[in-house]
Amino acid sequence: MRKWWAVLLDWVFPPRCPVCRLAVDSHGLLCPQCLAGISRAHEINVVIRRLVALDGCQVLCDYAGGVKFLISGMKFCQKAYYAVHLRRLLMERLDVMRLPDVDVVVPVPLHITRLKERGFNQTTLVFEKWAKHYGILWSGDMLARVKATAPQWTLVAKERRKNVKDAFVLTRPDWAKGKRILLVDDIITTGFTMNECAKTLKKGGAIAVFGLALAGGGDGC
């Protein structure tokens, strides 16, 4: 039976798809039409992309349609509540049984300046509750971004690897040692940001680092 406050919320604010505003059954849902336009999860070939520090990488869907609307809304329009929709999509579309066994989930961090400007790390808002739902350890502060890099989407591909070089550090030297880590981010394009994070984690003794991004193929990391 639904909690009384959930029923009241639906009565005061009838649930609607955040993308097209059509009525839906409950808050956090996308309508069937918008869902149908979202591609399925797929693997990224880390060898072809020369992402040598990653042991594998999965992407939930393409950076297009409803997912692009939600992610860009979080990042550029302060719509933090879109995390609920993205997390629900993540839980419905991604088979966690097909993910590699890991000890801890770590988000790609924002630089402190950008974090203060935005007020939140969109990756943390989506993935932290997802990890805890499945009983996987979450470490939101294992990595720190010490270099205030230019947004990757403002650069051409050959500039992006140089832009993130030496941009990350471990906040404690021993945190990654002996661990299998799932590194998460909102968007992956070239993969250079995630690869640089993985390189830092492996320098700190991580046994393996796997990547997981909400969306791929658009302007991002």
N, C-alpha and C. Protein backbone atom coordinates (compact mmCIF):
# COMPACT_ATOMS: atom_id res chain seq x y z
N MET A 1 0.84 -1.20 0.00
CA MET A 1 0.00 0.00 0.00
C MET A 1 0.88 1.25 0.00
N ARG A 2 0.54 2.23 -0.84
CA ARG A 2 1.34 3.44 -0.95
C ARG A 2 1.21 4.30 0.31
N LYS A 3 2.29 4.97 0.66
CA LYS A 3 2.26 5.86 1.82
C LYS A 3 1.35 7.04 1.54
N TRP A 4 0.76 7.57 2.60
CA TRP A 4 -0.22 8.64 2.46
C TRP A 4 0.36 9.88 1.81
N TRP A 5 1.66 10.16 2.12
CA TRP A 5 2.25 11.37 1.56
C TRP A 5 2.48 11.26 0.06
N ALA A 6 2.69 10.02 -0.44
CA ALA A 6 2.87 9.81 -1.87
C ALA A 6 1.54 10.03 -2.60
N VAL A 7 0.45 9.56 -1.98
CA VAL A 7 -0.88 9.77 -2.56
C VAL A 7 -1.20 11.27 -2.60
N LEU A 8 -0.88 11.96 -1.50
CA LEU A 8 -1.13 13.40 -1.42
C LEU A 8 -0.31 14.16 -2.46
N LEU A 9 0.93 13.75 -2.64
CA LEU A 9 1.80 14.39 -3.63
C LEU A 9 1.22 14.26 -5.03
N ASP A 10 0.74 13.06 -5.36
CA ASP A 10 0.15 12.84 -6.68
C ASP A 10 -1.12 13.68 -6.87
N TRP A 11 -1.85 13.92 -5.77
CA TRP A 11 -3.08 14.69 -5.86
C TRP A 11 -2.79 16.17 -6.05
N VAL A 12 -1.78 16.68 -5.30
CA VAL A 12 -1.44 18.10 -5.39
C VAL A 12 -0.66 18.40 -6.66
N PHE A 13 0.29 17.51 -6.98
CA PHE A 13 1.12 17.67 -8.17
C PHE A 13 1.00 16.41 -9.02
N PRO A 14 0.01 16.34 -9.90
CA PRO A 14 -0.17 15.14 -10.72
C PRO A 14 1.11 14.79 -11.47
N PRO A 15 1.55 13.52 -11.41
CA PRO A 15 2.81 13.14 -12.06
C PRO A 15 2.76 13.29 -13.57
N ARG A 16 3.83 13.86 -14.11
CA ARG A 16 3.94 14.05 -15.55
C ARG A 16 5.34 13.69 -16.02
N CYS A 17 5.44 13.28 -17.25
CA CYS A 17 6.75 13.03 -17.86
C CYS A 17 7.51 14.35 -17.90
N PRO A 18 8.74 14.41 -17.40
CA PRO A 18 9.47 15.68 -17.37
C PRO A 18 9.89 16.17 -18.75
N VAL A 19 9.88 15.27 -19.72
CA VAL A 19 10.35 15.63 -21.06
C VAL A 19 9.23 16.25 -21.89
N CYS A 20 8.08 15.57 -21.96
CA CYS A 20 6.99 16.02 -22.83
C CYS A 20 5.76 16.50 -22.08
N ARG A 21 5.75 16.31 -20.74
CA ARG A 21 4.68 16.74 -19.85
C ARG A 21 3.40 15.93 -19.97
N LEU A 22 3.43 14.79 -20.60
CA LEU A 22 2.28 13.90 -20.62
C LEU A 22 2.08 13.29 -19.23
N ALA A 23 0.83 12.99 -18.89
CA ALA A 23 0.54 12.36 -17.60
C ALA A 23 1.14 10.96 -17.54
N VAL A 24 1.70 10.61 -16.37
CA VAL A 24 2.24 9.26 -16.14
C VAL A 24 1.68 8.73 -14.82
N ASP A 25 1.94 7.45 -14.54
CA ASP A 25 1.32 6.80 -13.38
C ASP A 25 1.87 7.28 -12.04
N SER A 26 3.18 7.59 -11.99
CA SER A 26 3.76 8.03 -10.72
C SER A 26 4.97 8.90 -10.97
N HIS A 27 5.37 9.64 -9.95
CA HIS A 27 6.53 10.52 -10.07
C HIS A 27 7.79 9.70 -10.31
N GLY A 28 8.67 10.24 -11.15
CA GLY A 28 9.92 9.56 -11.47
C GLY A 28 9.87 8.78 -12.77
N LEU A 29 8.67 8.69 -13.37
CA LEU A 29 8.52 7.94 -14.62
C LEU A 29 8.64 8.85 -15.83
N LEU A 30 9.12 8.28 -16.93
CA LEU A 30 9.00 8.89 -18.24
C LEU A 30 7.82 8.22 -18.95
N CYS A 31 7.21 8.92 -19.87
CA CYS A 31 6.08 8.34 -20.59
C CYS A 31 6.58 7.27 -21.57
N PRO A 32 5.70 6.37 -22.02
CA PRO A 32 6.12 5.30 -22.93
C PRO A 32 6.77 5.81 -24.21
N GLN A 33 6.27 6.93 -24.73
CA GLN A 33 6.84 7.48 -25.98
C GLN A 33 8.28 7.94 -25.79
N CYS A 34 8.53 8.64 -24.69
CA CYS A 34 9.90 9.10 -24.43
C CYS A 34 10.84 7.94 -24.09
N LEU A 35 10.31 6.95 -23.38
CA LEU A 35 11.11 5.77 -23.06
C LEU A 35 11.50 5.01 -24.32
N ALA A 36 10.56 4.94 -25.27
CA ALA A 36 10.81 4.19 -26.50
C ALA A 36 11.94 4.80 -27.32
N GLY A 37 12.20 6.09 -27.14
CA GLY A 37 13.26 6.74 -27.90
C GLY A 37 14.63 6.63 -27.27
N ILE A 38 14.74 5.92 -26.14
CA ILE A 38 16.02 5.78 -25.44
C ILE A 38 16.67 4.46 -25.81
N SER A 39 17.92 4.53 -26.26
CA SER A 39 18.62 3.33 -26.71
C SER A 39 18.98 2.44 -25.52
N ARG A 40 19.41 1.22 -25.81
CA ARG A 40 19.73 0.24 -24.77
C ARG A 40 21.20 0.33 -24.35
N ALA A 41 21.50 -0.25 -23.20
CA ALA A 41 22.86 -0.26 -22.66
C ALA A 41 23.80 -0.99 -23.61
N HIS A 42 25.04 -0.53 -23.66
CA HIS A 42 26.02 -1.17 -24.53
C HIS A 42 27.43 -0.98 -23.98
N GLU A 43 28.34 -1.79 -24.47
CA GLU A 43 29.74 -1.74 -24.06
C GLU A 43 30.52 -0.76 -24.93
N ILE A 44 31.54 -0.17 -24.34
CA ILE A 44 32.49 0.66 -25.08
C ILE A 44 33.77 -0.14 -25.24
N ASN A 45 34.32 -0.12 -26.42
CA ASN A 45 35.57 -0.86 -26.67
C ASN A 45 36.74 0.00 -26.17
N VAL A 46 37.23 -0.32 -24.99
CA VAL A 46 38.29 0.49 -24.39
C VAL A 46 39.64 0.30 -25.08
N VAL A 47 39.80 -0.82 -25.79
CA VAL A 47 41.06 -1.07 -26.52
C VAL A 47 41.14 -0.16 -27.74
N ILE A 48 40.08 -0.15 -28.55
CA ILE A 48 40.06 0.70 -29.74
C ILE A 48 40.19 2.18 -29.37
N ARG A 49 39.57 2.55 -28.28
CA ARG A 49 39.61 3.96 -27.85
C ARG A 49 40.90 4.31 -27.11
N ARG A 50 41.74 3.31 -26.86
CA ARG A 50 43.01 3.50 -26.15
C ARG A 50 42.80 4.05 -24.74
N LEU A 51 41.78 3.52 -24.09
CA LEU A 51 41.52 3.87 -22.69
C LEU A 51 42.18 2.80 -21.84
N VAL A 52 43.49 2.88 -21.78
CA VAL A 52 44.31 1.78 -21.28
C VAL A 52 44.14 1.51 -19.78
N ALA A 53 43.68 2.50 -19.01
CA ALA A 53 43.54 2.32 -17.57
C ALA A 53 42.22 1.67 -17.18
N LEU A 54 41.28 1.61 -18.12
CA LEU A 54 39.97 1.01 -17.85
C LEU A 54 39.97 -0.47 -18.24
N ASP A 55 39.36 -1.29 -17.40
CA ASP A 55 39.26 -2.72 -17.68
C ASP A 55 37.95 -3.07 -18.38
N GLY A 56 37.15 -2.08 -18.65
CA GLY A 56 35.88 -2.26 -19.33
C GLY A 56 35.01 -1.04 -19.06
N CYS A 57 34.00 -0.83 -19.90
CA CYS A 57 33.15 0.34 -19.70
C CYS A 57 31.79 0.10 -20.34
N GLN A 58 30.74 0.40 -19.61
CA GLN A 58 29.38 0.29 -20.11
C GLN A 58 28.69 1.65 -20.11
N VAL A 59 27.78 1.81 -21.06
CA VAL A 59 26.99 3.03 -21.18
C VAL A 59 25.52 2.64 -21.16
N LEU A 60 24.73 3.36 -20.36
CA LEU A 60 23.32 3.03 -20.25
C LEU A 60 22.57 3.28 -21.55
N CYS A 61 22.86 4.40 -22.23
CA CYS A 61 22.15 4.75 -23.46
C CYS A 61 22.90 5.87 -24.17
N ASP A 62 22.41 6.25 -25.33
CA ASP A 62 23.00 7.36 -26.08
C ASP A 62 22.59 8.70 -25.46
N TYR A 63 23.45 9.69 -25.65
CA TYR A 63 23.14 11.04 -25.17
C TYR A 63 22.25 11.72 -26.19
N ALA A 64 20.96 11.46 -26.07
CA ALA A 64 19.99 11.99 -27.02
C ALA A 64 18.60 11.95 -26.38
N GLY A 65 17.66 12.64 -27.01
CA GLY A 65 16.27 12.56 -26.59
C GLY A 65 16.05 12.92 -25.13
N GLY A 66 15.26 12.08 -24.45
CA GLY A 66 14.88 12.34 -23.07
C GLY A 66 16.05 12.36 -22.11
N VAL A 67 17.03 11.50 -22.33
CA VAL A 67 18.19 11.45 -21.43
C VAL A 67 19.03 12.72 -21.56
N LYS A 68 19.20 13.19 -22.77
CA LYS A 68 19.92 14.46 -22.97
C LYS A 68 19.18 15.60 -22.28
N PHE A 69 17.87 15.60 -22.39
CA PHE A 69 17.03 16.62 -21.75
C PHE A 69 17.25 16.62 -20.24
N LEU A 70 17.25 15.44 -19.64
CA LEU A 70 17.36 15.33 -18.19
C LEU A 70 18.76 15.69 -17.70
N ILE A 71 19.79 15.17 -18.35
CA ILE A 71 21.17 15.44 -17.91
C ILE A 71 21.51 16.92 -18.08
N SER A 72 21.18 17.48 -19.24
CA SER A 72 21.48 18.90 -19.46
C SER A 72 20.67 19.78 -18.52
N GLY A 73 19.45 19.36 -18.18
CA GLY A 73 18.63 20.11 -17.23
C GLY A 73 19.27 20.15 -15.85
N MET A 74 19.87 19.02 -15.44
CA MET A 74 20.56 18.98 -14.15
C MET A 74 21.80 19.87 -14.17
N LYS A 75 22.59 19.75 -15.22
CA LYS A 75 23.89 20.42 -15.25
C LYS A 75 23.80 21.92 -15.50
N PHE A 76 22.86 22.32 -16.33
CA PHE A 76 22.84 23.72 -16.76
C PHE A 76 21.62 24.51 -16.30
N CYS A 77 20.61 23.82 -15.75
CA CYS A 77 19.39 24.51 -15.32
C CYS A 77 19.06 24.27 -13.86
N GLN A 78 20.00 23.68 -13.11
CA GLN A 78 19.83 23.47 -11.66
C GLN A 78 18.66 22.57 -11.29
N LYS A 79 18.26 21.69 -12.20
CA LYS A 79 17.12 20.81 -11.93
C LYS A 79 17.60 19.50 -11.33
N ALA A 80 18.03 19.59 -10.07
CA ALA A 80 18.60 18.44 -9.38
C ALA A 80 17.60 17.29 -9.26
N TYR A 81 16.31 17.61 -9.22
CA TYR A 81 15.29 16.57 -9.05
C TYR A 81 15.18 15.64 -10.26
N TYR A 82 15.79 15.99 -11.37
CA TYR A 82 15.81 15.08 -12.52
C TYR A 82 16.61 13.82 -12.20
N ALA A 83 17.40 13.86 -11.13
CA ALA A 83 18.16 12.68 -10.73
C ALA A 83 17.24 11.50 -10.43
N VAL A 84 16.05 11.78 -9.93
CA VAL A 84 15.09 10.71 -9.63
C VAL A 84 14.72 9.95 -10.90
N HIS A 85 14.48 10.68 -11.98
CA HIS A 85 14.11 10.05 -13.25
C HIS A 85 15.28 9.25 -13.83
N LEU A 86 16.47 9.81 -13.76
CA LEU A 86 17.64 9.12 -14.30
C LEU A 86 17.98 7.89 -13.49
N ARG A 87 17.85 7.97 -12.17
CA ARG A 87 18.14 6.81 -11.33
C ARG A 87 17.11 5.70 -11.58
N ARG A 88 15.87 6.06 -11.75
CA ARG A 88 14.84 5.04 -12.02
C ARG A 88 15.11 4.37 -13.37
N LEU A 89 15.51 5.17 -14.35
CA LEU A 89 15.86 4.62 -15.66
C LEU A 89 17.05 3.68 -15.54
N LEU A 90 18.04 4.08 -14.76
CA LEU A 90 19.23 3.26 -14.53
C LEU A 90 18.85 1.92 -13.91
N MET A 91 17.97 1.94 -12.93
CA MET A 91 17.58 0.71 -12.24
C MET A 91 16.73 -0.20 -13.12
N GLU A 92 15.96 0.39 -14.02
CA GLU A 92 15.09 -0.41 -14.89
C GLU A 92 15.82 -0.95 -16.12
N ARG A 93 16.80 -0.20 -16.61
CA ARG A 93 17.43 -0.56 -17.87
C ARG A 93 18.75 -1.32 -17.73
N LEU A 94 19.40 -1.20 -16.58
CA LEU A 94 20.72 -1.82 -16.43
C LEU A 94 20.61 -3.07 -15.57
N ASP A 95 21.05 -4.19 -16.11
CA ASP A 95 21.06 -5.45 -15.38
C ASP A 95 22.33 -5.50 -14.53
N VAL A 96 22.18 -5.27 -13.22
CA VAL A 96 23.37 -5.22 -12.35
C VAL A 96 24.08 -6.57 -12.29
N MET A 97 23.37 -7.64 -12.60
CA MET A 97 24.00 -8.96 -12.58
C MET A 97 25.05 -9.10 -13.68
N ARG A 98 24.98 -8.22 -14.68
CA ARG A 98 25.95 -8.28 -15.78
C ARG A 98 27.13 -7.34 -15.54
N LEU A 99 27.08 -6.58 -14.46
CA LEU A 99 28.22 -5.74 -14.11
C LEU A 99 29.30 -6.59 -13.45
N PRO A 100 30.55 -6.19 -13.57
CA PRO A 100 31.63 -6.94 -12.89
C PRO A 100 31.50 -6.79 -11.37
N ASP A 101 32.01 -7.78 -10.65
CA ASP A 101 32.03 -7.69 -9.19
C ASP A 101 32.99 -6.58 -8.77
N VAL A 102 32.50 -5.67 -7.93
CA VAL A 102 33.35 -4.57 -7.47
C VAL A 102 33.20 -4.41 -5.96
N ASP A 103 34.18 -3.73 -5.39
CA ASP A 103 34.17 -3.47 -3.94
C ASP A 103 33.55 -2.12 -3.61
N VAL A 104 33.64 -1.19 -4.53
CA VAL A 104 33.21 0.17 -4.22
C VAL A 104 32.85 0.92 -5.51
N VAL A 105 31.90 1.84 -5.42
CA VAL A 105 31.53 2.71 -6.53
C VAL A 105 32.06 4.11 -6.25
N VAL A 106 32.73 4.70 -7.24
CA VAL A 106 33.37 6.01 -7.08
C VAL A 106 32.93 6.93 -8.22
N PRO A 107 32.42 8.12 -7.90
CA PRO A 107 32.03 9.05 -8.97
C PRO A 107 33.21 9.85 -9.50
N VAL A 108 33.15 10.24 -10.76
CA VAL A 108 34.10 11.21 -11.29
C VAL A 108 33.82 12.55 -10.59
N PRO A 109 34.81 13.12 -9.90
CA PRO A 109 34.54 14.33 -9.12
C PRO A 109 34.54 15.61 -9.95
N LEU A 110 33.86 16.61 -9.43
CA LEU A 110 33.92 17.96 -9.98
C LEU A 110 35.00 18.74 -9.23
N HIS A 111 35.55 19.74 -9.89
CA HIS A 111 36.45 20.65 -9.18
C HIS A 111 35.61 21.46 -8.19
N ILE A 112 36.21 21.84 -7.08
CA ILE A 112 35.49 22.53 -6.01
C ILE A 112 34.80 23.80 -6.52
N THR A 113 35.42 24.49 -7.48
CA THR A 113 34.83 25.72 -8.02
C THR A 113 33.52 25.43 -8.74
N ARG A 114 33.54 24.39 -9.58
CA ARG A 114 32.32 24.03 -10.32
C ARG A 114 31.26 23.44 -9.39
N LEU A 115 31.71 22.71 -8.38
CA LEU A 115 30.77 22.14 -7.43
C LEU A 115 30.03 23.26 -6.68
N LYS A 116 30.74 24.30 -6.31
CA LYS A 116 30.11 25.43 -5.62
C LYS A 116 29.15 26.17 -6.55
N GLU A 117 29.52 26.30 -7.82
CA GLU A 117 28.66 26.99 -8.78
C GLU A 117 27.36 26.23 -9.00
N ARG A 118 27.46 24.92 -9.14
CA ARG A 118 26.29 24.10 -9.45
C ARG A 118 25.52 23.72 -8.20
N GLY A 119 26.24 23.53 -7.11
CA GLY A 119 25.60 23.17 -5.86
C GLY A 119 25.52 21.68 -5.62
N PHE A 120 25.87 20.87 -6.60
CA PHE A 120 25.82 19.41 -6.47
C PHE A 120 26.62 18.78 -7.60
N ASN A 121 27.00 17.54 -7.37
CA ASN A 121 27.59 16.71 -8.43
C ASN A 121 26.47 15.84 -8.97
N GLN A 122 26.08 16.06 -10.21
CA GLN A 122 24.94 15.35 -10.78
C GLN A 122 25.16 13.83 -10.80
N THR A 123 26.39 13.41 -10.95
CA THR A 123 26.69 11.98 -10.95
C THR A 123 26.41 11.37 -9.57
N THR A 124 26.77 12.08 -8.53
CA THR A 124 26.52 11.61 -7.16
C THR A 124 25.02 11.51 -6.90
N LEU A 125 24.25 12.51 -7.33
CA LEU A 125 22.81 12.50 -7.09
C LEU A 125 22.14 11.28 -7.72
N VAL A 126 22.62 10.86 -8.86
CA VAL A 126 22.02 9.71 -9.55
C VAL A 126 22.52 8.39 -8.98
N PHE A 127 23.83 8.27 -8.80
CA PHE A 127 24.42 6.96 -8.53
C PHE A 127 24.53 6.56 -7.05
N GLU A 128 24.59 7.52 -6.14
CA GLU A 128 24.82 7.15 -4.74
C GLU A 128 23.69 6.27 -4.20
N LYS A 129 22.45 6.68 -4.39
CA LYS A 129 21.32 5.87 -3.91
C LYS A 129 21.20 4.57 -4.68
N TRP A 130 21.59 4.58 -5.96
CA TRP A 130 21.57 3.36 -6.77
C TRP A 130 22.54 2.34 -6.18
N ALA A 131 23.76 2.77 -5.85
CA ALA A 131 24.76 1.86 -5.28
C ALA A 131 24.28 1.30 -3.95
N LYS A 132 23.76 2.18 -3.10
CA LYS A 132 23.32 1.74 -1.78
C LYS A 132 22.12 0.81 -1.86
N HIS A 133 21.27 1.00 -2.88
CA HIS A 133 20.12 0.12 -3.07
C HIS A 133 20.57 -1.32 -3.30
N TYR A 134 21.69 -1.48 -4.01
CA TYR A 134 22.20 -2.81 -4.31
C TYR A 134 23.26 -3.28 -3.32
N GLY A 135 23.45 -2.52 -2.25
CA GLY A 135 24.38 -2.93 -1.21
C GLY A 135 25.84 -2.82 -1.59
N ILE A 136 26.15 -1.91 -2.52
CA ILE A 136 27.54 -1.70 -2.94
C ILE A 136 28.09 -0.47 -2.22
N LEU A 137 29.28 -0.59 -1.69
CA LEU A 137 29.91 0.51 -0.97
C LEU A 137 30.06 1.72 -1.89
N TRP A 138 29.74 2.89 -1.36
CA TRP A 138 29.87 4.15 -2.11
C TRP A 138 30.97 4.99 -1.47
N SER A 139 31.85 5.56 -2.30
CA SER A 139 32.89 6.45 -1.80
C SER A 139 32.90 7.71 -2.65
N GLY A 140 32.21 8.73 -2.17
CA GLY A 140 32.10 9.97 -2.93
C GLY A 140 33.31 10.87 -2.86
N ASP A 141 34.26 10.54 -1.98
CA ASP A 141 35.42 11.41 -1.82
C ASP A 141 36.75 10.68 -1.97
N MET A 142 36.76 9.54 -2.62
CA MET A 142 38.02 8.83 -2.84
C MET A 142 38.91 9.61 -3.80
N LEU A 143 38.29 10.23 -4.81
CA LEU A 143 39.02 11.04 -5.78
C LEU A 143 38.69 12.51 -5.59
N ALA A 144 39.66 13.37 -5.88
CA ALA A 144 39.45 14.81 -5.90
C ALA A 144 39.98 15.37 -7.22
N ARG A 145 39.29 16.37 -7.72
CA ARG A 145 39.73 17.04 -8.95
C ARG A 145 40.50 18.30 -8.53
N VAL A 146 41.79 18.29 -8.75
CA VAL A 146 42.65 19.38 -8.26
C VAL A 146 42.99 20.39 -9.35
N LYS A 147 42.59 20.09 -10.56
CA LYS A 147 42.88 20.98 -11.68
C LYS A 147 41.56 21.49 -12.24
N ALA A 148 41.40 22.80 -12.28
CA ALA A 148 40.16 23.41 -12.80
C ALA A 148 40.20 23.39 -14.32
N THR A 149 39.82 22.26 -14.88
CA THR A 149 39.91 22.07 -16.33
C THR A 149 38.78 22.79 -17.06
N ALA A 150 39.02 23.10 -18.32
CA ALA A 150 37.96 23.63 -19.17
C ALA A 150 36.95 22.52 -19.42
N PRO A 151 35.66 22.85 -19.57
CA PRO A 151 34.67 21.81 -19.90
C PRO A 151 35.09 21.06 -21.17
N GLN A 152 35.05 19.73 -21.11
CA GLN A 152 35.51 18.93 -22.24
C GLN A 152 34.73 19.23 -23.51
N TRP A 153 33.44 19.57 -23.37
CA TRP A 153 32.63 19.79 -24.57
C TRP A 153 33.05 21.05 -25.34
N THR A 154 33.89 21.90 -24.72
CA THR A 154 34.35 23.11 -25.41
C THR A 154 35.61 22.85 -26.23
N LEU A 155 36.16 21.62 -26.15
CA LEU A 155 37.43 21.30 -26.79
C LEU A 155 37.27 20.27 -27.90
N VAL A 156 38.18 20.30 -28.85
CA VAL A 156 38.22 19.26 -29.87
C VAL A 156 38.86 18.02 -29.24
N ALA A 157 38.66 16.88 -29.89
CA ALA A 157 39.06 15.60 -29.31
C ALA A 157 40.53 15.55 -28.90
N LYS A 158 41.42 16.06 -29.73
CA LYS A 158 42.85 15.94 -29.44
C LYS A 158 43.28 16.82 -28.26
N GLU A 159 42.46 17.82 -27.91
CA GLU A 159 42.78 18.68 -26.77
C GLU A 159 42.27 18.10 -25.45
N ARG A 160 41.31 17.17 -25.53
CA ARG A 160 40.65 16.69 -24.32
C ARG A 160 41.56 15.85 -23.43
N ARG A 161 42.41 15.02 -24.02
CA ARG A 161 43.31 14.19 -23.21
C ARG A 161 44.29 15.07 -22.42
N LYS A 162 44.83 16.09 -23.07
CA LYS A 162 45.77 17.00 -22.41
C LYS A 162 45.06 17.80 -21.33
N ASN A 163 43.80 18.15 -21.57
CA ASN A 163 43.03 18.97 -20.63
C ASN A 163 42.88 18.32 -19.26
N VAL A 164 42.72 16.99 -19.24
CA VAL A 164 42.48 16.30 -17.97
C VAL A 164 43.71 15.60 -17.40
N LYS A 165 44.84 15.74 -18.06
CA LYS A 165 46.07 15.09 -17.58
C LYS A 165 46.43 15.64 -16.19
N ASP A 166 46.66 14.72 -15.26
CA ASP A 166 47.04 15.05 -13.88
C ASP A 166 46.00 15.91 -13.17
N ALA A 167 44.74 15.75 -13.57
CA ALA A 167 43.67 16.57 -12.97
C ALA A 167 43.11 15.96 -11.68
N PHE A 168 43.44 14.68 -11.40
CA PHE A 168 42.83 13.99 -10.26
C PHE A 168 43.87 13.43 -9.31
N VAL A 169 43.49 13.36 -8.04
CA VAL A 169 44.36 12.75 -7.02
C VAL A 169 43.49 11.92 -6.08
N LEU A 170 44.14 10.95 -5.43
CA LEU A 170 43.48 10.22 -4.35
C LEU A 170 43.53 11.07 -3.08
N THR A 171 42.42 11.14 -2.39
CA THR A 171 42.39 11.96 -1.17
C THR A 171 43.12 11.30 -0.01
N ARG A 172 43.23 9.96 -0.07
CA ARG A 172 44.07 9.21 0.87
C ARG A 172 44.83 8.16 0.08
N PRO A 173 46.14 8.07 0.24
CA PRO A 173 46.97 7.20 -0.59
C PRO A 173 46.55 5.73 -0.61
N ASP A 174 45.97 5.24 0.50
CA ASP A 174 45.70 3.81 0.61
C ASP A 174 44.26 3.42 0.29
N TRP A 175 43.41 4.37 -0.07
CA TRP A 175 41.99 4.06 -0.24
C TRP A 175 41.68 3.09 -1.38
N ALA A 176 42.44 3.18 -2.45
CA ALA A 176 42.15 2.34 -3.62
C ALA A 176 42.90 1.00 -3.60
N LYS A 177 43.85 0.86 -2.72
CA LYS A 177 44.72 -0.31 -2.72
C LYS A 177 43.93 -1.62 -2.57
N GLY A 178 44.17 -2.52 -3.52
CA GLY A 178 43.57 -3.85 -3.47
C GLY A 178 42.10 -3.91 -3.84
N LYS A 179 41.54 -2.82 -4.33
CA LYS A 179 40.10 -2.78 -4.60
C LYS A 179 39.78 -2.89 -6.09
N ARG A 180 38.59 -3.46 -6.32
CA ARG A 180 37.99 -3.47 -7.66
C ARG A 180 36.94 -2.36 -7.65
N ILE A 181 37.09 -1.41 -8.55
CA ILE A 181 36.32 -0.17 -8.46
C ILE A 181 35.43 0.03 -9.69
N LEU A 182 34.20 0.47 -9.43
CA LEU A 182 33.30 0.89 -10.50
C LEU A 182 33.29 2.42 -10.51
N LEU A 183 33.81 3.00 -11.57
CA LEU A 183 33.90 4.45 -11.72
C LEU A 183 32.69 4.93 -12.53
N VAL A 184 31.94 5.87 -11.99
CA VAL A 184 30.69 6.29 -12.64
C VAL A 184 30.73 7.77 -13.02
N ASP A 185 30.02 8.08 -14.12
CA ASP A 185 29.92 9.46 -14.59
C ASP A 185 28.60 9.64 -15.33
N ASP A 186 28.25 10.89 -15.61
CA ASP A 186 26.98 11.13 -16.30
C ASP A 186 27.11 10.91 -17.81
N ILE A 187 28.18 11.45 -18.42
CA ILE A 187 28.36 11.35 -19.87
C ILE A 187 29.78 10.91 -20.19
N ILE A 188 29.90 10.08 -21.21
CA ILE A 188 31.22 9.73 -21.73
C ILE A 188 31.23 9.96 -23.23
N THR A 189 32.28 10.62 -23.71
CA THR A 189 32.44 10.81 -25.16
C THR A 189 33.75 10.16 -25.58
N THR A 190 34.85 10.88 -25.48
CA THR A 190 36.15 10.28 -25.79
C THR A 190 36.57 9.28 -24.72
N GLY A 191 36.11 9.51 -23.49
CA GLY A 191 36.49 8.64 -22.38
C GLY A 191 37.76 9.06 -21.68
N PHE A 192 38.34 10.18 -22.08
CA PHE A 192 39.63 10.59 -21.52
C PHE A 192 39.53 10.96 -20.03
N THR A 193 38.43 11.59 -19.64
CA THR A 193 38.27 11.94 -18.22
C THR A 193 38.21 10.69 -17.36
N MET A 194 37.40 9.74 -17.76
CA MET A 194 37.25 8.51 -16.99
C MET A 194 38.57 7.73 -16.98
N ASN A 195 39.27 7.72 -18.09
CA ASN A 195 40.54 7.01 -18.17
C ASN A 195 41.58 7.64 -17.24
N GLU A 196 41.59 8.96 -17.16
CA GLU A 196 42.53 9.65 -16.28
C GLU A 196 42.22 9.35 -14.82
N CYS A 197 40.93 9.27 -14.48
CA CYS A 197 40.54 8.88 -13.12
C CYS A 197 41.00 7.45 -12.82
N ALA A 198 40.78 6.55 -13.78
CA ALA A 198 41.18 5.16 -13.61
C ALA A 198 42.69 5.03 -13.43
N LYS A 199 43.42 5.84 -14.17
CA LYS A 199 44.89 5.83 -14.05
C LYS A 199 45.32 6.22 -12.64
N THR A 200 44.66 7.24 -12.08
CA THR A 200 44.96 7.69 -10.72
C THR A 200 44.65 6.60 -9.71
N LEU A 201 43.51 5.93 -9.89
CA LEU A 201 43.11 4.85 -8.98
C LEU A 201 44.09 3.68 -9.04
N LYS A 202 44.56 3.36 -10.23
CA LYS A 202 45.49 2.24 -10.36
C LYS A 202 46.87 2.58 -9.82
N LYS A 203 47.26 3.82 -9.95
CA LYS A 203 48.52 4.25 -9.33
C LYS A 203 48.44 4.09 -7.81
N GLY A 204 47.22 4.19 -7.29
CA GLY A 204 47.01 4.02 -5.87
C GLY A 204 46.80 2.58 -5.44
N GLY A 205 46.94 1.65 -6.38
CA GLY A 205 46.88 0.23 -6.04
C GLY A 205 45.59 -0.49 -6.37
N ALA A 206 44.66 0.16 -7.08
CA ALA A 206 43.42 -0.53 -7.46
C ALA A 206 43.75 -1.73 -8.34
N ILE A 207 43.07 -2.85 -8.09
CA ILE A 207 43.29 -4.07 -8.87
C ILE A 207 42.67 -3.94 -10.25
N ALA A 208 41.47 -3.37 -10.30
CA ALA A 208 40.76 -3.20 -11.56
C ALA A 208 39.83 -2.00 -11.45
N VAL A 209 39.62 -1.32 -12.58
CA VAL A 209 38.69 -0.18 -12.63
C VAL A 209 37.80 -0.34 -13.85
N PHE A 210 36.50 -0.36 -13.60
CA PHE A 210 35.51 -0.47 -14.66
C PHE A 210 34.71 0.82 -14.71
N GLY A 211 34.28 1.20 -15.90
CA GLY A 211 33.53 2.44 -16.07
C GLY A 211 32.06 2.17 -16.32
N LEU A 212 31.22 3.09 -15.87
CA LEU A 212 29.78 3.06 -16.16
C LEU A 212 29.30 4.50 -16.29
N ALA A 213 28.71 4.82 -17.44
CA ALA A 213 28.19 6.16 -17.67
C ALA A 213 26.70 6.09 -18.02
N LEU A 214 25.99 7.12 -17.63
CA LEU A 214 24.57 7.18 -17.97
C LEU A 214 24.37 7.28 -19.47
N ALA A 215 25.19 8.11 -20.12
CA ALA A 215 24.99 8.35 -21.55
C ALA A 215 26.33 8.48 -22.26
N GLY A 216 26.33 8.17 -23.53
CA GLY A 216 27.54 8.25 -24.32
C GLY A 216 27.27 8.83 -25.70
N GLY A 217 28.33 9.35 -26.29
CA GLY A 217 28.24 9.79 -27.67
C GLY A 217 27.94 11.25 -27.86
N GLY A 218 27.74 12.00 -26.78
CA GLY A 218 27.45 13.43 -26.90
C GLY A 218 28.57 14.25 -26.30
N ASP A 219 28.34 15.55 -26.19
CA ASP A 219 29.31 16.43 -25.56
C ASP A 219 29.35 16.14 -24.08
N GLY A 220 30.51 15.89 -23.55
CA GLY A 220 30.61 15.56 -22.14
C GLY A 220 32.03 15.38 -21.70
N CYS A 221 32.37 14.17 -21.31
CA CYS A 221 33.70 13.90 -20.75
C CYS A 221 34.55 13.14 -21.74
